[in-house]
Amino acid sequence: IAFDDEETESGLRSVAAPIRDWDRKVVAAISIIGPTSRINKSRLNE
């Protein structure tokens, strides 16, 4: 899991995870991105 804790843009956080193909190679990633007011630090694990 990777986090962006207001590193790209102040006031935004994201949580990302890898998407792997049949050979277990990472071919993409998905993330949830939102304002810090909605993605507060207590929600990061969830």
ModelCIF file with pLDDT and N, C-alpha, C, O atoms, coordinates in Angstrom:
data_MODEL
#
_entry.id   MODEL 
#
_entity.id                         1 
_entity.type                       polymer 
_entity.pdbx_number_of_molecules   1 
#
_entity_poly.entity_id                      1 
_entity_poly.type                           'polypeptide(L)' 
_entity_poly.nstd_linkage                   no 
_entity_poly.nstd_monomer                   no 
_entity_poly.pdbx_seq_one_letter_code       IAFDDEETESGLRSVAAPIRDWDRKVVAAISIIGPTSRINKSRLNE 
_entity_poly.pdbx_seq_one_letter_code_can   IAFDDEETESGLRSVAAPIRDWDRKVVAAISIIGPTSRINKSRLNE 
_entity_poly.pdbx_strand_id                 A 
#
loop_
_entity_poly_seq.entity_id 
_entity_poly_seq.num 
_entity_poly_seq.mon_id 
_entity_poly_seq.hetero 
1 1  ILE n 
1 2  ALA n 
1 3  PHE n 
1 4  ASP n 
1 5  ASP n 
1 6  GLU n 
1 7  GLU n 
1 8  THR n 
1 9  GLU n 
1 10 SER n 
1 11 GLY n 
1 12 LEU n 
1 13 ARG n 
1 14 SER n 
1 15 VAL n 
1 16 ALA n 
1 17 ALA n 
1 18 PRO n 
1 19 ILE n 
1 20 ARG n 
1 21 ASP n 
1 22 TRP n 
1 23 ASP n 
1 24 ARG n 
1 25 LYS n 
1 26 VAL n 
1 27 VAL n 
1 28 ALA n 
1 29 ALA n 
1 30 ILE n 
1 31 SER n 
1 32 ILE n 
1 33 ILE n 
1 34 GLY n 
1 35 PRO n 
1 36 THR n 
1 37 SER n 
1 38 ARG n 
1 39 ILE n 
1 40 ASN n 
1 41 LYS n 
1 42 SER n 
1 43 ARG n 
1 44 LEU n 
1 45 ASN n 
1 46 GLU n 
#
_struct_asym.id          A 
_struct_asym.entity_id   1 
#
loop_
_ma_qa_metric.id 
_ma_qa_metric.mode 
_ma_qa_metric.name 
_ma_qa_metric.software_group_id 
_ma_qa_metric.type 
1 global pLDDT . pLDDT 
2 local  pLDDT . pLDDT 
#
_ma_qa_metric_global.metric_id      1 
_ma_qa_metric_global.metric_value   95.89 
_ma_qa_metric_global.model_id       1 
_ma_qa_metric_global.ordinal_id     1 
#
loop_
_ma_qa_metric_local.label_asym_id 
_ma_qa_metric_local.label_comp_id 
_ma_qa_metric_local.label_seq_id 
_ma_qa_metric_local.metric_id 
_ma_qa_metric_local.metric_value 
_ma_qa_metric_local.model_id 
_ma_qa_metric_local.ordinal_id 
A ILE 1  2 98.00 1 1  
A ALA 2  2 98.00 1 2  
A PHE 3  2 97.00 1 3  
A ASP 4  2 97.00 1 4  
A ASP 5  2 96.00 1 5  
A GLU 6  2 97.00 1 6  
A GLU 7  2 98.00 1 7  
A THR 8  2 97.00 1 8  
A GLU 9  2 97.00 1 9  
A SER 10 2 97.00 1 10 
A GLY 11 2 97.00 1 11 
A LEU 12 2 97.00 1 12 
A ARG 13 2 97.00 1 13 
A SER 14 2 97.00 1 14 
A VAL 15 2 98.00 1 15 
A ALA 16 2 98.00 1 16 
A ALA 17 2 98.00 1 17 
A PRO 18 2 98.00 1 18 
A ILE 19 2 98.00 1 19 
A ARG 20 2 97.00 1 20 
A ASP 21 2 95.00 1 21 
A TRP 22 2 93.00 1 22 
A ASP 23 2 93.00 1 23 
A ARG 24 2 92.00 1 24 
A LYS 25 2 95.00 1 25 
A VAL 26 2 97.00 1 26 
A VAL 27 2 97.00 1 27 
A ALA 28 2 97.00 1 28 
A ALA 29 2 98.00 1 29 
A ILE 30 2 98.00 1 30 
A SER 31 2 97.00 1 31 
A ILE 32 2 97.00 1 32 
A ILE 33 2 97.00 1 33 
A GLY 34 2 97.00 1 34 
A PRO 35 2 97.00 1 35 
A THR 36 2 96.00 1 36 
A SER 37 2 95.00 1 37 
A ARG 38 2 95.00 1 38 
A ILE 39 2 95.00 1 39 
A ASN 40 2 93.00 1 40 
A LYS 41 2 88.00 1 41 
A SER 42 2 90.00 1 42 
A ARG 43 2 93.00 1 43 
A LEU 44 2 92.00 1 44 
A ASN 45 2 92.00 1 45 
A GLU 46 2 95.00 1 46 
#
loop_
_atom_site.group_PDB 
_atom_site.id 
_atom_site.type_symbol 
_atom_site.label_atom_id 
_atom_site.label_alt_id 
_atom_site.label_comp_id 
_atom_site.label_asym_id 
_atom_site.label_entity_id 
_atom_site.label_seq_id 
_atom_site.pdbx_PDB_ins_code 
_atom_site.Cartn_x 
_atom_site.Cartn_y 
_atom_site.Cartn_z 
_atom_site.occupancy 
_atom_site.B_iso_or_equiv 
_atom_site.pdbx_formal_charge 
_atom_site.auth_seq_id 
_atom_site.auth_comp_id 
_atom_site.auth_asym_id 
_atom_site.auth_atom_id 
_atom_site.pdbx_PDB_model_num 
ATOM 1   N N  . ILE A 1 1  ? 0.856   -1.189  0.000   1.00 98.00 ? 1  ILE A N  1 
ATOM 2   C CA . ILE A 1 1  ? 0.000   0.000   0.000   1.00 98.00 ? 1  ILE A CA 1 
ATOM 3   C C  . ILE A 1 1  ? 0.886   1.232   0.000   1.00 98.00 ? 1  ILE A C  1 
ATOM 4   O O  . ILE A 1 1  ? 1.904   1.276   0.691   1.00 98.00 ? 1  ILE A O  1 
ATOM 5   N N  . ALA A 1 2  ? 0.494   2.235   -0.782  1.00 98.00 ? 2  ALA A N  1 
ATOM 6   C CA . ALA A 1 2  ? 1.234   3.497   -0.811  1.00 98.00 ? 2  ALA A CA 1 
ATOM 7   C C  . ALA A 1 2  ? 0.285   4.640   -0.469  1.00 98.00 ? 2  ALA A C  1 
ATOM 8   O O  . ALA A 1 2  ? -0.901  4.617   -0.798  1.00 98.00 ? 2  ALA A O  1 
ATOM 9   N N  . PHE A 1 3  ? 0.842   5.623   0.193   1.00 97.00 ? 3  PHE A N  1 
ATOM 10  C CA . PHE A 1 3  ? 0.056   6.788   0.592   1.00 97.00 ? 3  PHE A CA 1 
ATOM 11  C C  . PHE A 1 3  ? 0.654   8.055   -0.004  1.00 97.00 ? 3  PHE A C  1 
ATOM 12  O O  . PHE A 1 3  ? 1.865   8.162   -0.194  1.00 97.00 ? 3  PHE A O  1 
ATOM 13  N N  . ASP A 1 4  ? -0.206  8.994   -0.289  1.00 97.00 ? 4  ASP A N  1 
ATOM 14  C CA . ASP A 1 4  ? 0.185   10.365  -0.624  1.00 97.00 ? 4  ASP A CA 1 
ATOM 15  C C  . ASP A 1 4  ? -0.522  11.217  0.422   1.00 97.00 ? 4  ASP A C  1 
ATOM 16  O O  . ASP A 1 4  ? -1.732  11.431  0.357   1.00 97.00 ? 4  ASP A O  1 
ATOM 17  N N  . ASP A 1 5  ? 0.246   11.692  1.373   1.00 96.00 ? 5  ASP A N  1 
ATOM 18  C CA . ASP A 1 5  ? -0.318  12.480  2.466   1.00 96.00 ? 5  ASP A CA 1 
ATOM 19  C C  . ASP A 1 5  ? -0.011  13.952  2.217   1.00 96.00 ? 5  ASP A C  1 
ATOM 20  O O  . ASP A 1 5  ? 0.903   14.527  2.809   1.00 96.00 ? 5  ASP A O  1 
ATOM 21  N N  . GLU A 1 6  ? -0.790  14.535  1.334   1.00 97.00 ? 6  GLU A N  1 
ATOM 22  C CA . GLU A 1 6  ? -0.641  15.941  0.940   1.00 97.00 ? 6  GLU A CA 1 
ATOM 23  C C  . GLU A 1 6  ? 0.719   16.222  0.299   1.00 97.00 ? 6  GLU A C  1 
ATOM 24  O O  . GLU A 1 6  ? 1.243   17.329  0.420   1.00 97.00 ? 6  GLU A O  1 
ATOM 25  N N  . GLU A 1 7  ? 1.288   15.230  -0.376  1.00 98.00 ? 7  GLU A N  1 
ATOM 26  C CA . GLU A 1 7  ? 2.578   15.393  -1.035  1.00 98.00 ? 7  GLU A CA 1 
ATOM 27  C C  . GLU A 1 7  ? 2.438   15.974  -2.441  1.00 98.00 ? 7  GLU A C  1 
ATOM 28  O O  . GLU A 1 7  ? 3.319   16.697  -2.906  1.00 98.00 ? 7  GLU A O  1 
ATOM 29  N N  . THR A 1 8  ? 1.345   15.663  -3.108  1.00 97.00 ? 8  THR A N  1 
ATOM 30  C CA . THR A 1 8  ? 1.102   16.165  -4.460  1.00 97.00 ? 8  THR A CA 1 
ATOM 31  C C  . THR A 1 8  ? 0.391   17.508  -4.420  1.00 97.00 ? 8  THR A C  1 
ATOM 32  O O  . THR A 1 8  ? 0.733   18.441  -5.147  1.00 97.00 ? 8  THR A O  1 
ATOM 33  N N  . GLU A 1 9  ? -0.600  17.576  -3.555  1.00 97.00 ? 9  GLU A N  1 
ATOM 34  C CA . GLU A 1 9  ? -1.443  18.773  -3.453  1.00 97.00 ? 9  GLU A CA 1 
ATOM 35  C C  . GLU A 1 9  ? -1.864  18.949  -1.998  1.00 97.00 ? 9  GLU A C  1 
ATOM 36  O O  . GLU A 1 9  ? -2.338  17.999  -1.374  1.00 97.00 ? 9  GLU A O  1 
ATOM 37  N N  . SER A 1 10 ? -1.702  20.119  -1.464  1.00 97.00 ? 10 SER A N  1 
ATOM 38  C CA . SER A 1 10 ? -2.150  20.383  -0.095  1.00 97.00 ? 10 SER A CA 1 
ATOM 39  C C  . SER A 1 10 ? -3.656  20.173  -0.011  1.00 97.00 ? 10 SER A C  1 
ATOM 40  O O  . SER A 1 10 ? -4.406  20.618  -0.880  1.00 97.00 ? 10 SER A O  1 
ATOM 41  N N  . GLY A 1 11 ? -4.086  19.494  1.036   1.00 97.00 ? 11 GLY A N  1 
ATOM 42  C CA . GLY A 1 11 ? -5.508  19.244  1.230   1.00 97.00 ? 11 GLY A CA 1 
ATOM 43  C C  . GLY A 1 11 ? -6.007  17.964  0.599   1.00 97.00 ? 11 GLY A C  1 
ATOM 44  O O  . GLY A 1 11 ? -7.197  17.664  0.689   1.00 97.00 ? 11 GLY A O  1 
ATOM 45  N N  . LEU A 1 12 ? -5.116  17.182  -0.052  1.00 97.00 ? 12 LEU A N  1 
ATOM 46  C CA . LEU A 1 12 ? -5.517  15.907  -0.662  1.00 97.00 ? 12 LEU A CA 1 
ATOM 47  C C  . LEU A 1 12 ? -4.685  14.762  -0.118  1.00 97.00 ? 12 LEU A C  1 
ATOM 48  O O  . LEU A 1 12 ? -3.489  14.906  0.136   1.00 97.00 ? 12 LEU A O  1 
ATOM 49  N N  . ARG A 1 13 ? -5.344  13.613  0.059   1.00 97.00 ? 13 ARG A N  1 
ATOM 50  C CA . ARG A 1 13 ? -4.662  12.374  0.450   1.00 97.00 ? 13 ARG A CA 1 
ATOM 51  C C  . ARG A 1 13 ? -5.085  11.282  -0.514  1.00 97.00 ? 13 ARG A C  1 
ATOM 52  O O  . ARG A 1 13 ? -6.164  11.334  -1.104  1.00 97.00 ? 13 ARG A O  1 
ATOM 53  N N  . SER A 1 14 ? -4.212  10.287  -0.664  1.00 97.00 ? 14 SER A N  1 
ATOM 54  C CA . SER A 1 14 ? -4.587  9.119   -1.457  1.00 97.00 ? 14 SER A CA 1 
ATOM 55  C C  . SER A 1 14 ? -3.984  7.862   -0.856  1.00 97.00 ? 14 SER A C  1 
ATOM 56  O O  . SER A 1 14 ? -2.993  7.894   -0.127  1.00 97.00 ? 14 SER A O  1 
ATOM 57  N N  . VAL A 1 15 ? -4.626  6.758   -1.194  1.00 98.00 ? 15 VAL A N  1 
ATOM 58  C CA . VAL A 1 15 ? -4.187  5.419   -0.822  1.00 98.00 ? 15 VAL A CA 1 
ATOM 59  C C  . VAL A 1 15 ? -4.171  4.629   -2.120  1.00 98.00 ? 15 VAL A C  1 
ATOM 60  O O  . VAL A 1 15 ? -5.155  4.640   -2.859  1.00 98.00 ? 15 VAL A O  1 
ATOM 61  N N  . ALA A 1 16 ? -3.061  3.938   -2.414  1.00 98.00 ? 16 ALA A N  1 
ATOM 62  C CA . ALA A 1 16 ? -2.945  3.205   -3.675  1.00 98.00 ? 16 ALA A CA 1 
ATOM 63  C C  . ALA A 1 16 ? -2.486  1.776   -3.453  1.00 98.00 ? 16 ALA A C  1 
ATOM 64  O O  . ALA A 1 16 ? -1.808  1.474   -2.471  1.00 98.00 ? 16 ALA A O  1 
ATOM 65  N N  . ALA A 1 17 ? -2.867  0.889   -4.384  1.00 98.00 ? 17 ALA A N  1 
ATOM 66  C CA . ALA A 1 17 ? -2.466  -0.518  -4.338  1.00 98.00 ? 17 ALA A CA 1 
ATOM 67  C C  . ALA A 1 17 ? -2.190  -0.994  -5.772  1.00 98.00 ? 17 ALA A C  1 
ATOM 68  O O  . ALA A 1 17 ? -2.753  -0.460  -6.727  1.00 98.00 ? 17 ALA A O  1 
ATOM 69  N N  . PRO A 1 18 ? -1.320  -1.999  -5.913  1.00 98.00 ? 18 PRO A N  1 
ATOM 70  C CA . PRO A 1 18 ? -0.947  -2.473  -7.244  1.00 98.00 ? 18 PRO A CA 1 
ATOM 71  C C  . PRO A 1 18 ? -1.968  -3.418  -7.861  1.00 98.00 ? 18 PRO A C  1 
ATOM 72  O O  . PRO A 1 18 ? -2.666  -4.154  -7.163  1.00 98.00 ? 18 PRO A O  1 
ATOM 73  N N  . ILE A 1 19 ? -2.034  -3.377  -9.171  1.00 98.00 ? 19 ILE A N  1 
ATOM 74  C CA . ILE A 1 19 ? -2.797  -4.347  -9.953  1.00 98.00 ? 19 ILE A CA 1 
ATOM 75  C C  . ILE A 1 19 ? -1.771  -5.172  -10.718 1.00 98.00 ? 19 ILE A C  1 
ATOM 76  O O  . ILE A 1 19 ? -0.907  -4.635  -11.412 1.00 98.00 ? 19 ILE A O  1 
ATOM 77  N N  . ARG A 1 20 ? -1.885  -6.491  -10.576 1.00 97.00 ? 20 ARG A N  1 
ATOM 78  C CA . ARG A 1 20 ? -0.912  -7.401  -11.174 1.00 97.00 ? 20 ARG A CA 1 
ATOM 79  C C  . ARG A 1 20 ? -1.546  -8.241  -12.275 1.00 97.00 ? 20 ARG A C  1 
ATOM 80  O O  . ARG A 1 20 ? -2.744  -8.521  -12.255 1.00 97.00 ? 20 ARG A O  1 
ATOM 81  N N  . ASP A 1 21 ? -0.715  -8.637  -13.236 1.00 95.00 ? 21 ASP A N  1 
ATOM 82  C CA . ASP A 1 21 ? -1.200  -9.497  -14.313 1.00 95.00 ? 21 ASP A CA 1 
ATOM 83  C C  . ASP A 1 21 ? -0.971  -10.960 -13.948 1.00 95.00 ? 21 ASP A C  1 
ATOM 84  O O  . ASP A 1 21 ? -0.583  -11.270 -12.821 1.00 95.00 ? 21 ASP A O  1 
ATOM 85  N N  . TRP A 1 22 ? -1.207  -11.845 -14.889 1.00 93.00 ? 22 TRP A N  1 
ATOM 86  C CA . TRP A 1 22 ? -1.085  -13.280 -14.663 1.00 93.00 ? 22 TRP A CA 1 
ATOM 87  C C  . TRP A 1 22 ? 0.320   -13.692 -14.243 1.00 93.00 ? 22 TRP A C  1 
ATOM 88  O O  . TRP A 1 22 ? 0.504   -14.727 -13.602 1.00 93.00 ? 22 TRP A O  1 
ATOM 89  N N  . ASP A 1 23 ? 1.310   -12.880 -14.604 1.00 93.00 ? 23 ASP A N  1 
ATOM 90  C CA . ASP A 1 23 ? 2.705   -13.168 -14.286 1.00 93.00 ? 23 ASP A CA 1 
ATOM 91  C C  . ASP A 1 23 ? 3.150   -12.470 -12.999 1.00 93.00 ? 23 ASP A C  1 
ATOM 92  O O  . ASP A 1 23 ? 4.338   -12.447 -12.678 1.00 93.00 ? 23 ASP A O  1 
ATOM 93  N N  . ARG A 1 24 ? 2.181   -11.898 -12.260 1.00 92.00 ? 24 ARG A N  1 
ATOM 94  C CA . ARG A 1 24 ? 2.408   -11.170 -10.998 1.00 92.00 ? 24 ARG A CA 1 
ATOM 95  C C  . ARG A 1 24 ? 3.161   -9.856  -11.190 1.00 92.00 ? 24 ARG A C  1 
ATOM 96  O O  . ARG A 1 24 ? 3.632   -9.267  -10.217 1.00 92.00 ? 24 ARG A O  1 
ATOM 97  N N  . LYS A 1 25 ? 3.280   -9.390  -12.436 1.00 95.00 ? 25 LYS A N  1 
ATOM 98  C CA . LYS A 1 25 ? 3.923   -8.105  -12.703 1.00 95.00 ? 25 LYS A CA 1 
ATOM 99  C C  . LYS A 1 25 ? 2.915   -6.987  -12.460 1.00 95.00 ? 25 LYS A C  1 
ATOM 100 O O  . LYS A 1 25 ? 1.738   -7.113  -12.798 1.00 95.00 ? 25 LYS A O  1 
ATOM 101 N N  . VAL A 1 26 ? 3.385   -5.901  -11.874 1.00 97.00 ? 26 VAL A N  1 
ATOM 102 C CA . VAL A 1 26 ? 2.517   -4.746  -11.655 1.00 97.00 ? 26 VAL A CA 1 
ATOM 103 C C  . VAL A 1 26 ? 2.315   -4.045  -12.995 1.00 97.00 ? 26 VAL A C  1 
ATOM 104 O O  . VAL A 1 26 ? 3.270   -3.588  -13.623 1.00 97.00 ? 26 VAL A O  1 
ATOM 105 N N  . VAL A 1 27 ? 1.066   -3.969  -13.415 1.00 97.00 ? 27 VAL A N  1 
ATOM 106 C CA . VAL A 1 27 ? 0.745   -3.360  -14.704 1.00 97.00 ? 27 VAL A CA 1 
ATOM 107 C C  . VAL A 1 27 ? -0.087  -2.085  -14.550 1.00 97.00 ? 27 VAL A C  1 
ATOM 108 O O  . VAL A 1 27 ? -0.267  -1.324  -15.500 1.00 97.00 ? 27 VAL A O  1 
ATOM 109 N N  . ALA A 1 28 ? -0.585  -1.874  -13.340 1.00 97.00 ? 28 ALA A N  1 
ATOM 110 C CA . ALA A 1 28 ? -1.409  -0.691  -13.076 1.00 97.00 ? 28 ALA A CA 1 
ATOM 111 C C  . ALA A 1 28 ? -1.509  -0.524  -11.559 1.00 97.00 ? 28 ALA A C  1 
ATOM 112 O O  . ALA A 1 28 ? -1.005  -1.341  -10.789 1.00 97.00 ? 28 ALA A O  1 
ATOM 113 N N  . ALA A 1 29 ? -2.159  0.531   -11.166 1.00 98.00 ? 29 ALA A N  1 
ATOM 114 C CA . ALA A 1 29 ? -2.429  0.764   -9.750  1.00 98.00 ? 29 ALA A CA 1 
ATOM 115 C C  . ALA A 1 29 ? -3.768  1.475   -9.639  1.00 98.00 ? 29 ALA A C  1 
ATOM 116 O O  . ALA A 1 29 ? -4.171  2.208   -10.542 1.00 98.00 ? 29 ALA A O  1 
ATOM 117 N N  . ILE A 1 30 ? -4.444  1.253   -8.536  1.00 98.00 ? 30 ILE A N  1 
ATOM 118 C CA . ILE A 1 30 ? -5.677  2.002   -8.266  1.00 98.00 ? 30 ILE A CA 1 
ATOM 119 C C  . ILE A 1 30 ? -5.480  2.792   -6.984  1.00 98.00 ? 30 ILE A C  1 
ATOM 120 O O  . ILE A 1 30 ? -4.679  2.435   -6.120  1.00 98.00 ? 30 ILE A O  1 
ATOM 121 N N  . SER A 1 31 ? -6.233  3.870   -6.892  1.00 97.00 ? 31 SER A N  1 
ATOM 122 C CA . SER A 1 31 ? -6.133  4.657   -5.668  1.00 97.00 ? 31 SER A CA 1 
ATOM 123 C C  . SER A 1 31 ? -7.460  5.308   -5.341  1.00 97.00 ? 31 SER A C  1 
ATOM 124 O O  . SER A 1 31 ? -8.313  5.524   -6.201  1.00 97.00 ? 31 SER A O  1 
ATOM 125 N N  . ILE A 1 32 ? -7.596  5.606   -4.080  1.00 97.00 ? 32 ILE A N  1 
ATOM 126 C CA . ILE A 1 32 ? -8.705  6.410   -3.583  1.00 97.00 ? 32 ILE A CA 1 
ATOM 127 C C  . ILE A 1 32 ? -8.093  7.759   -3.237  1.00 97.00 ? 32 ILE A C  1 
ATOM 128 O O  . ILE A 1 32 ? -7.149  7.840   -2.450  1.00 97.00 ? 32 ILE A O  1 
ATOM 129 N N  . ILE A 1 33 ? -8.629  8.796   -3.819  1.00 97.00 ? 33 ILE A N  1 
ATOM 130 C CA . ILE A 1 33 ? -8.104  10.147  -3.605  1.00 97.00 ? 33 ILE A CA 1 
ATOM 131 C C  . ILE A 1 33 ? -9.245  11.023  -3.103  1.00 97.00 ? 33 ILE A C  1 
ATOM 132 O O  . ILE A 1 33 ? -10.371 10.945  -3.595  1.00 97.00 ? 33 ILE A O  1 
ATOM 133 N N  . GLY A 1 34 ? -8.936  11.848  -2.124  1.00 97.00 ? 34 GLY A N  1 
ATOM 134 C CA . GLY A 1 34 ? -9.971  12.744  -1.638  1.00 97.00 ? 34 GLY A CA 1 
ATOM 135 C C  . GLY A 1 34 ? -9.409  13.828  -0.742  1.00 97.00 ? 34 GLY A C  1 
ATOM 136 O O  . GLY A 1 34 ? -8.230  13.811  -0.388  1.00 97.00 ? 34 GLY A O  1 
ATOM 137 N N  . PRO A 1 35 ? -10.256 14.759  -0.384  1.00 97.00 ? 35 PRO A N  1 
ATOM 138 C CA . PRO A 1 35 ? -9.811  15.846  0.494   1.00 97.00 ? 35 PRO A CA 1 
ATOM 139 C C  . PRO A 1 35 ? -9.497  15.322  1.890   1.00 97.00 ? 35 PRO A C  1 
ATOM 140 O O  . PRO A 1 35 ? -10.092 14.346  2.347   1.00 97.00 ? 35 PRO A O  1 
ATOM 141 N N  . THR A 1 36 ? -8.566  15.976  2.554   1.00 96.00 ? 36 THR A N  1 
ATOM 142 C CA . THR A 1 36 ? -8.172  15.557  3.898   1.00 96.00 ? 36 THR A CA 1 
ATOM 143 C C  . THR A 1 36 ? -9.341  15.613  4.879   1.00 96.00 ? 36 THR A C  1 
ATOM 144 O O  . THR A 1 36 ? -9.329  14.915  5.893   1.00 96.00 ? 36 THR A O  1 
ATOM 145 N N  . SER A 1 37 ? -10.340 16.430  4.591   1.00 95.00 ? 37 SER A N  1 
ATOM 146 C CA . SER A 1 37 ? -11.510 16.493  5.471   1.00 95.00 ? 37 SER A CA 1 
ATOM 147 C C  . SER A 1 37 ? -12.322 15.198  5.420   1.00 95.00 ? 37 SER A C  1 
ATOM 148 O O  . SER A 1 37 ? -13.008 14.857  6.384   1.00 95.00 ? 37 SER A O  1 
ATOM 149 N N  . ARG A 1 38 ? -12.245 14.483  4.308   1.00 95.00 ? 38 ARG A N  1 
ATOM 150 C CA . ARG A 1 38 ? -12.984 13.221  4.173   1.00 95.00 ? 38 ARG A CA 1 
ATOM 151 C C  . ARG A 1 38 ? -12.076 12.008  4.350   1.00 95.00 ? 38 ARG A C  1 
ATOM 152 O O  . ARG A 1 38 ? -12.514 10.966  4.838   1.00 95.00 ? 38 ARG A O  1 
ATOM 153 N N  . ILE A 1 39 ? -10.821 12.144  3.954   1.00 95.00 ? 39 ILE A N  1 
ATOM 154 C CA . ILE A 1 39 ? -9.848  11.067  4.164   1.00 95.00 ? 39 ILE A CA 1 
ATOM 155 C C  . ILE A 1 39 ? -8.927  11.539  5.281   1.00 95.00 ? 39 ILE A C  1 
ATOM 156 O O  . ILE A 1 39 ? -7.791  11.955  5.052   1.00 95.00 ? 39 ILE A O  1 
ATOM 157 N N  . ASN A 1 40 ? -9.459  11.458  6.504   1.00 93.00 ? 40 ASN A N  1 
ATOM 158 C CA . ASN A 1 40 ? -8.636  11.860  7.642   1.00 93.00 ? 40 ASN A CA 1 
ATOM 159 C C  . ASN A 1 40 ? -7.737  10.690  8.027   1.00 93.00 ? 40 ASN A C  1 
ATOM 160 O O  . ASN A 1 40 ? -7.945  9.561   7.583   1.00 93.00 ? 40 ASN A O  1 
ATOM 161 N N  . LYS A 1 41 ? -6.755  10.969  8.840   1.00 88.00 ? 41 LYS A N  1 
ATOM 162 C CA . LYS A 1 41 ? -5.752  9.944   9.168   1.00 88.00 ? 41 LYS A CA 1 
ATOM 163 C C  . LYS A 1 41 ? -6.354  8.720   9.838   1.00 88.00 ? 41 LYS A C  1 
ATOM 164 O O  . LYS A 1 41 ? -5.817  7.621   9.705   1.00 88.00 ? 41 LYS A O  1 
ATOM 165 N N  . SER A 1 42 ? -7.449  8.887   10.550  1.00 90.00 ? 42 SER A N  1 
ATOM 166 C CA . SER A 1 42 ? -8.078  7.749   11.218  1.00 90.00 ? 42 SER A CA 1 
ATOM 167 C C  . SER A 1 42 ? -8.762  6.808   10.222  1.00 90.00 ? 42 SER A C  1 
ATOM 168 O O  . SER A 1 42 ? -9.030  5.656   10.563  1.00 90.00 ? 42 SER A O  1 
ATOM 169 N N  . ARG A 1 43 ? -9.047  7.262   9.019   1.00 93.00 ? 43 ARG A N  1 
ATOM 170 C CA . ARG A 1 43 ? -9.699  6.421   8.002   1.00 93.00 ? 43 ARG A CA 1 
ATOM 171 C C  . ARG A 1 43 ? -8.699  5.725   7.080   1.00 93.00 ? 43 ARG A C  1 
ATOM 172 O O  . ARG A 1 43 ? -9.093  4.876   6.280   1.00 93.00 ? 43 ARG A O  1 
ATOM 173 N N  . LEU A 1 44 ? -7.417  6.068   7.175   1.00 92.00 ? 44 LEU A N  1 
ATOM 174 C CA . LEU A 1 44 ? -6.440  5.537   6.227   1.00 92.00 ? 44 LEU A CA 1 
ATOM 175 C C  . LEU A 1 44 ? -6.358  4.015   6.237   1.00 92.00 ? 44 LEU A C  1 
ATOM 176 O O  . LEU A 1 44 ? -6.291  3.403   5.171   1.00 92.00 ? 44 LEU A O  1 
ATOM 177 N N  . ASN A 1 45 ? -6.362  3.392   7.405   1.00 92.00 ? 45 ASN A N  1 
ATOM 178 C CA . ASN A 1 45 ? -6.282  1.924   7.449   1.00 92.00 ? 45 ASN A CA 1 
ATOM 179 C C  . ASN A 1 45 ? -7.503  1.273   6.818   1.00 92.00 ? 45 ASN A C  1 
ATOM 180 O O  . ASN A 1 45 ? -7.381  0.290   6.087   1.00 92.00 ? 45 ASN A O  1 
ATOM 181 N N  . GLU A 1 46 ? -8.680  1.820   7.099   1.00 95.00 ? 46 GLU A N  1 
ATOM 182 C CA . GLU A 1 46 ? -9.918  1.309   6.502   1.00 95.00 ? 46 GLU A CA 1 
ATOM 183 C C  . GLU A 1 46 ? -9.862  1.419   4.976   1.00 95.00 ? 46 GLU A C  1 
ATOM 184 O O  . GLU A 1 46 ? -10.814 1.038   4.294   1.00 95.00 ? 46 GLU A O  1 
#
